[in-house]
């Protein structure tokens, strides 16, 4: 399990490359309040093996009226972390600065509605099975006193974080297939319905069999609606197989409800003509 060291960089936008316990701040901790943090519209984040997933994040920020956040020397945002703030196992942060719109102002404070996008990339930010878990959201404020030129570079920064603002599940994407045979079939004869349940393995970039999972076989007669036929359990390599008596022409499909670590999936339908 890889641990991340602190690595917060401020260069035009909030770039969060790591987490650690916040250092003592020479400038003092600003009075920021993050509320109403919503990650991925409250839905699980389901990630496959190749495509990056863009995760919308929204929240309300209340800050001192005299605090300027320019996303260069001062920056704020929300990130996701697994583990604890003191010793995170992994983290995901925004690659661009949040967009904030003021909604209320008092003599001392400004309240803003903010949105940002966190990108989850398999085999980069997500690389082990343990990453399929419940993650937490943290609000971050960073201030940099760094200076740089062609001849000299110096950077010191203060980092403050507020954890446990929200939670979200990150899940491995599933794939599900179905095939009913023979096609066509004589009424009253036996149909064998097979399929396979697999899920993303981020470390290898492949889909591997998901054994021991409950999967529902559904049938929809032509012109009708899907109804459950029976529940079966996936076998070695995620294999699925069951038999039914052919009664009417229609479509068969498998439905997987998902688990705490793997997203739900419904197979495409396989139509069978009954003679």
Protein backbone atom coordinates (compact mmCIF):
# COMPACT_ATOMS: atom_id res chain seq x y z
CA UNK A 1 0.00 0.00 0.00
CA UNK A 2 1.53 3.28 -1.05
CA UNK A 3 1.56 6.26 1.33
CA UNK A 4 1.56 9.77 -0.08
CA UNK A 5 3.86 12.50 1.10
CA UNK A 6 2.89 16.13 1.20
CA UNK A 7 3.18 17.84 -2.19
CA UNK A 8 0.90 20.82 -2.63
CA UNK A 9 1.84 23.13 -5.51
CA UNK A 10 0.26 26.48 -6.34
CA UNK A 11 0.75 27.61 -9.91
CA UNK A 12 -2.26 29.39 -11.33
CA UNK A 13 -4.70 26.71 -10.19
CA UNK A 14 -5.09 24.42 -7.23
CA UNK A 15 -2.91 21.37 -7.91
CA UNK A 16 -3.07 18.83 -5.12
CA UNK A 17 -0.46 16.12 -5.35
CA UNK A 18 -0.46 14.77 -1.80
CA UNK A 19 -1.63 14.92 1.79
CA UNK A 20 -0.07 15.06 5.23
CA UNK A 21 -0.73 16.65 8.58
CA UNK A 22 -0.87 20.43 8.09
CA UNK A 23 2.22 22.36 9.10
CA UNK A 24 2.04 25.23 11.55
CA UNK A 25 0.97 28.35 9.71
CA UNK A 26 3.00 31.48 10.12
CA UNK A 27 0.19 33.52 8.62
CA UNK A 28 -2.43 31.91 10.87
CA UNK A 29 -5.29 29.63 9.91
CA UNK A 30 -7.98 31.48 7.97
CA UNK A 31 -11.58 31.24 9.11
CA UNK A 32 -12.99 29.25 6.18
CA UNK A 33 -16.17 27.19 6.29
CA UNK A 34 -17.02 24.50 3.71
CA UNK A 35 -20.65 23.39 3.78
CA UNK A 36 -23.04 21.46 1.55
CA UNK A 37 -20.26 19.45 -0.06
CA UNK A 38 -21.76 17.16 -2.71
CA UNK A 39 -19.60 14.74 -4.70
CA UNK A 40 -20.80 13.24 -8.00
CA UNK A 41 -24.35 14.40 -7.27
CA UNK A 42 -24.51 11.94 -4.40
CA UNK A 43 -23.95 8.88 -6.60
CA UNK A 44 -21.11 6.33 -6.48
CA UNK A 45 -18.13 6.96 -8.75
CA UNK A 46 -17.78 3.95 -11.06
CA UNK A 47 -14.45 3.60 -12.86
CA UNK A 48 -13.45 1.14 -15.59
CA UNK A 49 -9.98 0.26 -16.84
CA UNK A 50 -9.16 2.90 -19.44
CA UNK A 51 -11.34 6.01 -19.37
CA UNK A 52 -10.84 8.88 -16.96
CA UNK A 53 -13.97 9.74 -14.99
CA UNK A 54 -14.74 13.41 -14.33
CA UNK A 55 -16.41 13.85 -10.96
CA UNK A 56 -18.42 17.04 -10.31
CA UNK A 57 -18.10 18.58 -6.86
CA UNK A 58 -20.19 21.42 -5.46
CA UNK A 59 -20.03 23.22 -2.13
CA UNK A 60 -20.58 26.52 -0.35
CA UNK A 61 -17.58 28.45 0.93
CA UNK A 62 -17.74 31.20 3.53
CA UNK A 63 -14.54 33.22 3.92
CA UNK A 64 -13.41 36.46 5.56
CA UNK A 65 -14.27 39.44 3.39
CA UNK A 66 -10.68 40.67 3.39
CA UNK A 67 -9.20 37.30 2.40
CA UNK A 68 -8.20 37.26 -1.26
CA UNK A 69 -8.11 33.83 -2.88
CA UNK A 70 -6.41 34.23 -6.24
CA UNK A 71 -5.62 30.52 -6.83
CA UNK A 72 -1.99 31.50 -7.26
CA UNK A 73 -0.45 32.47 -3.92
CA UNK A 74 -3.62 31.59 -2.08
CA UNK A 75 -5.87 28.73 -3.09
CA UNK A 76 -8.79 26.69 -1.86
CA UNK A 77 -10.64 23.62 -3.06
CA UNK A 78 -12.06 20.24 -2.14
CA UNK A 79 -10.29 16.91 -2.55
CA UNK A 80 -11.11 13.26 -1.86
CA UNK A 81 -9.00 11.05 0.37
CA UNK A 82 -8.98 7.47 1.57
CA UNK A 83 -7.69 6.79 5.06
CA UNK A 84 -7.07 9.73 7.38
CA UNK A 85 -5.84 13.27 6.87
CA UNK A 86 -2.78 12.46 8.96
CA UNK A 87 -1.96 9.27 7.09
CA UNK A 88 -3.88 9.03 3.79
CA UNK A 89 -3.75 5.91 1.67
CA UNK A 90 -4.68 7.76 -1.52
CA UNK A 91 -6.14 11.06 -2.70
CA UNK A 92 -7.86 12.66 -5.67
CA UNK A 93 -7.81 16.38 -6.27
CA UNK A 94 -8.95 18.95 -8.83
CA UNK A 95 -6.67 19.77 -11.74
CA UNK A 96 -8.18 23.21 -12.26
CA UNK A 97 -9.23 25.91 -9.88
CA UNK A 98 -12.84 25.87 -8.67
CA UNK A 99 -15.35 28.33 -10.07
CA UNK A 100 -16.98 30.35 -7.29
CA UNK A 101 -19.89 32.79 -7.46
CA UNK A 102 -20.63 35.13 -4.52
CA UNK A 103 -24.15 34.70 -3.14
CA UNK A 104 -24.09 36.75 0.07
CA UNK A 105 -21.91 39.41 1.68
CA UNK A 106 -21.81 40.80 5.21
CA UNK A 107 -19.52 43.33 6.84
CA UNK A 108 -17.03 40.58 7.62
CA UNK A 109 -17.71 37.59 5.36
CA UNK A 110 -18.37 36.53 1.78
CA UNK A 111 -20.34 33.40 0.93
CA UNK A 112 -19.79 31.73 -2.43
CA UNK A 113 -21.25 28.76 -4.31
CA UNK A 114 -18.35 26.80 -5.81
CA UNK A 115 -18.01 24.00 -8.35
CA UNK A 116 -14.98 22.01 -9.43
CA UNK A 117 -14.12 18.77 -11.22
CA UNK A 118 -12.04 15.94 -9.80
CA UNK A 119 -10.69 13.48 -12.35
CA UNK A 120 -10.22 9.81 -11.47
CA UNK A 121 -7.86 7.96 -13.79
CA UNK A 122 -7.54 4.15 -13.54
CA UNK A 123 -4.01 2.82 -13.09
CA UNK A 124 -2.85 6.29 -12.06
CA UNK A 125 -4.77 7.71 -9.12
CA UNK A 126 -6.63 4.39 -8.79
CA UNK A 127 -4.29 1.43 -8.84
CA UNK A 128 -5.26 -1.17 -6.23
CA UNK A 129 -8.37 -3.05 -5.15
CA UNK A 130 -8.40 -1.21 -1.81
CA UNK A 131 -9.22 2.00 -3.69
CA UNK A 132 -12.72 0.60 -4.25
CA UNK A 133 -14.02 1.91 -0.94
CA UNK A 134 -15.67 4.84 0.79
CA UNK A 135 -13.70 8.06 0.36
CA UNK A 136 -14.07 11.30 2.32
CA UNK A 137 -14.05 14.90 1.18
CA UNK A 138 -11.77 17.55 2.66
CA UNK A 139 -11.69 21.31 2.27
CA UNK A 140 -8.22 22.71 1.63
CA UNK A 141 -6.66 26.14 1.98
CA UNK A 142 -3.05 26.80 1.01
CA UNK A 143 -0.95 29.94 1.12
CA UNK A 144 2.41 30.24 -0.61
CA UNK A 145 5.14 32.77 0.11
CA UNK A 146 7.28 31.41 -2.68
CA UNK A 147 9.26 33.51 -5.11
CA UNK A 148 10.88 32.44 -8.35
CA UNK A 149 12.99 33.82 -11.17
CA UNK A 150 15.49 32.48 -13.67
CA UNK A 151 18.21 32.77 -11.01
CA UNK A 152 16.43 31.85 -7.79
CA UNK A 153 13.62 29.62 -6.53
CA UNK A 154 12.22 29.55 -3.02
CA UNK A 155 8.88 28.20 -1.87
CA UNK A 156 7.24 27.86 1.51
CA UNK A 157 3.57 27.27 2.03
CA UNK A 158 1.03 26.74 4.76
CA UNK A 159 -1.63 24.07 4.37
CA UNK A 160 -4.87 23.80 6.30
CA UNK A 161 -7.41 21.03 5.80
CA UNK A 162 -10.89 20.30 7.12
CA UNK A 163 -11.83 16.62 6.80
CA UNK A 164 -14.99 14.49 6.87
CA UNK A 165 -17.06 17.03 4.95
CA UNK A 166 -18.82 14.36 2.85
CA UNK A 167 -18.32 10.80 1.69
CA UNK A 168 -18.60 8.97 -1.62
CA UNK A 169 -18.09 5.42 -2.80
CA UNK A 170 -15.59 4.69 -5.55
CA UNK A 171 -16.41 1.41 -7.30
CA UNK A 172 -14.95 -0.89 -9.92
CA UNK A 173 -16.99 -0.98 -13.14
CA UNK A 174 -18.66 -4.28 -14.04
CA UNK A 175 -19.36 -5.96 -17.38
CA UNK A 176 -22.17 -8.45 -17.93
CA UNK A 177 -23.03 -10.57 -20.96
CA UNK A 178 -25.94 -12.86 -21.88
CA UNK A 179 -26.61 -15.46 -24.55
CA UNK A 180 -29.69 -17.69 -24.85
CA UNK A 181 -29.55 -20.78 -27.06
CA UNK A 182 -30.70 -22.42 -29.22
CA UNK A 183 -32.20 -19.69 -31.39
CA UNK A 184 -34.88 -20.07 -32.63
CA UNK A 185 -36.39 -22.66 -30.27
CA UNK A 186 -39.47 -24.84 -30.36
CA UNK A 187 -42.08 -24.01 -27.72
CA UNK A 188 -41.70 -26.16 -24.63
CA UNK A 189 -38.06 -27.00 -25.32
CA UNK A 190 -35.23 -26.08 -22.97
CA UNK A 191 -33.30 -22.86 -23.40
CA UNK A 192 -29.84 -22.46 -21.87
CA UNK A 193 -29.04 -18.92 -20.85
CA UNK A 194 -25.36 -18.21 -20.25
CA UNK A 195 -23.31 -15.15 -19.50
CA UNK A 196 -20.34 -13.76 -17.64
CA UNK A 197 -19.85 -11.21 -14.87
CA UNK A 198 -16.49 -9.43 -14.76
CA UNK A 199 -15.18 -6.29 -13.10
CA UNK A 200 -12.36 -3.83 -13.60
CA UNK A 201 -8.95 -4.61 -12.16
CA UNK A 202 -7.16 -1.26 -12.14
CA UNK A 203 -3.69 -2.66 -11.48
CA UNK A 204 -3.69 -4.67 -14.70
CA UNK A 205 -6.12 -2.66 -16.83
CA UNK A 206 -8.29 -5.72 -17.46
CA UNK A 207 -11.71 -7.12 -16.52
CA UNK A 208 -11.58 -10.27 -14.42
CA UNK A 209 -14.24 -12.76 -13.36
CA UNK A 210 -16.39 -11.90 -10.34
CA UNK A 211 -17.28 -15.15 -8.60
CA UNK A 212 -19.96 -15.80 -5.97
CA UNK A 213 -22.27 -12.90 -6.87
CA UNK A 214 -26.06 -12.92 -7.12
CA UNK A 215 -27.33 -12.13 -10.62
CA UNK A 216 -30.98 -11.99 -11.67
CA UNK A 217 -32.21 -13.44 -14.97
CA UNK A 218 -35.06 -11.38 -16.43
CA UNK A 219 -37.38 -12.04 -19.36
CA UNK A 220 -39.54 -9.66 -21.41
CA UNK A 221 -42.13 -11.17 -23.76
CA UNK A 222 -42.54 -9.29 -27.03
CA UNK A 223 -44.65 -6.23 -26.27
CA UNK A 224 -44.31 -6.70 -22.50
CA UNK A 225 -42.05 -5.58 -19.66
CA UNK A 226 -39.11 -7.25 -17.97
CA UNK A 227 -39.87 -9.54 -15.03
CA UNK A 228 -37.59 -11.58 -12.80
CA UNK A 229 -37.22 -15.26 -13.68
CA UNK A 230 -34.72 -16.45 -11.07
CA UNK A 231 -31.56 -15.52 -9.21
CA UNK A 232 -28.33 -17.43 -9.85
CA UNK A 233 -24.78 -17.15 -8.51
CA UNK A 234 -21.74 -16.49 -10.66
CA UNK A 235 -19.22 -19.31 -10.78
CA UNK A 236 -15.55 -19.61 -11.63
CA UNK A 237 -14.40 -16.71 -13.78
CA UNK A 238 -17.77 -15.04 -13.25
CA UNK A 239 -19.58 -17.65 -15.38
CA UNK A 240 -23.39 -17.64 -15.39
CA UNK A 241 -25.62 -20.47 -16.60
CA UNK A 242 -29.23 -21.54 -16.11
CA UNK A 243 -32.05 -23.19 -18.07
CA UNK A 244 -35.66 -22.21 -18.76
CA UNK A 245 -38.59 -23.64 -20.73
CA UNK A 246 -39.32 -21.72 -23.92
CA UNK A 247 -42.84 -20.34 -23.78
CA UNK A 248 -43.03 -17.07 -25.70
CA UNK A 249 -40.81 -15.10 -28.02
CA UNK A 250 -38.98 -12.41 -26.11
CA UNK A 251 -35.76 -11.09 -24.68
CA UNK A 252 -33.56 -12.37 -21.86
CA UNK A 253 -31.07 -10.33 -19.86
CA UNK A 254 -29.01 -10.52 -16.66
CA UNK A 255 -29.09 -7.84 -13.94
CA UNK A 256 -26.36 -7.35 -11.32
CA UNK A 257 -27.30 -5.03 -8.44
CA UNK A 258 -23.69 -4.22 -7.55
CA UNK A 259 -21.79 -4.45 -4.26
CA UNK A 260 -19.95 -2.08 -1.95
CA UNK A 261 -16.91 -2.28 -4.22
CA UNK A 262 -18.42 -2.89 -7.68
CA UNK A 263 -20.96 -0.92 -9.70
CA UNK A 264 -24.34 -2.24 -10.81
CA UNK A 265 -24.69 -3.53 -14.36
CA UNK A 266 -27.44 -4.74 -16.70
CA UNK A 267 -26.52 -6.79 -19.75
CA UNK A 268 -27.79 -6.12 -23.23
CA UNK A 269 -30.84 -8.20 -24.13
CA UNK A 270 -30.76 -11.38 -26.22
CA UNK A 271 -33.96 -11.95 -28.20
CA UNK A 272 -35.21 -15.49 -28.80
CA UNK A 273 -37.94 -16.45 -31.27
CA UNK A 274 -40.17 -19.31 -30.06
CA UNK A 275 -41.85 -21.36 -32.80
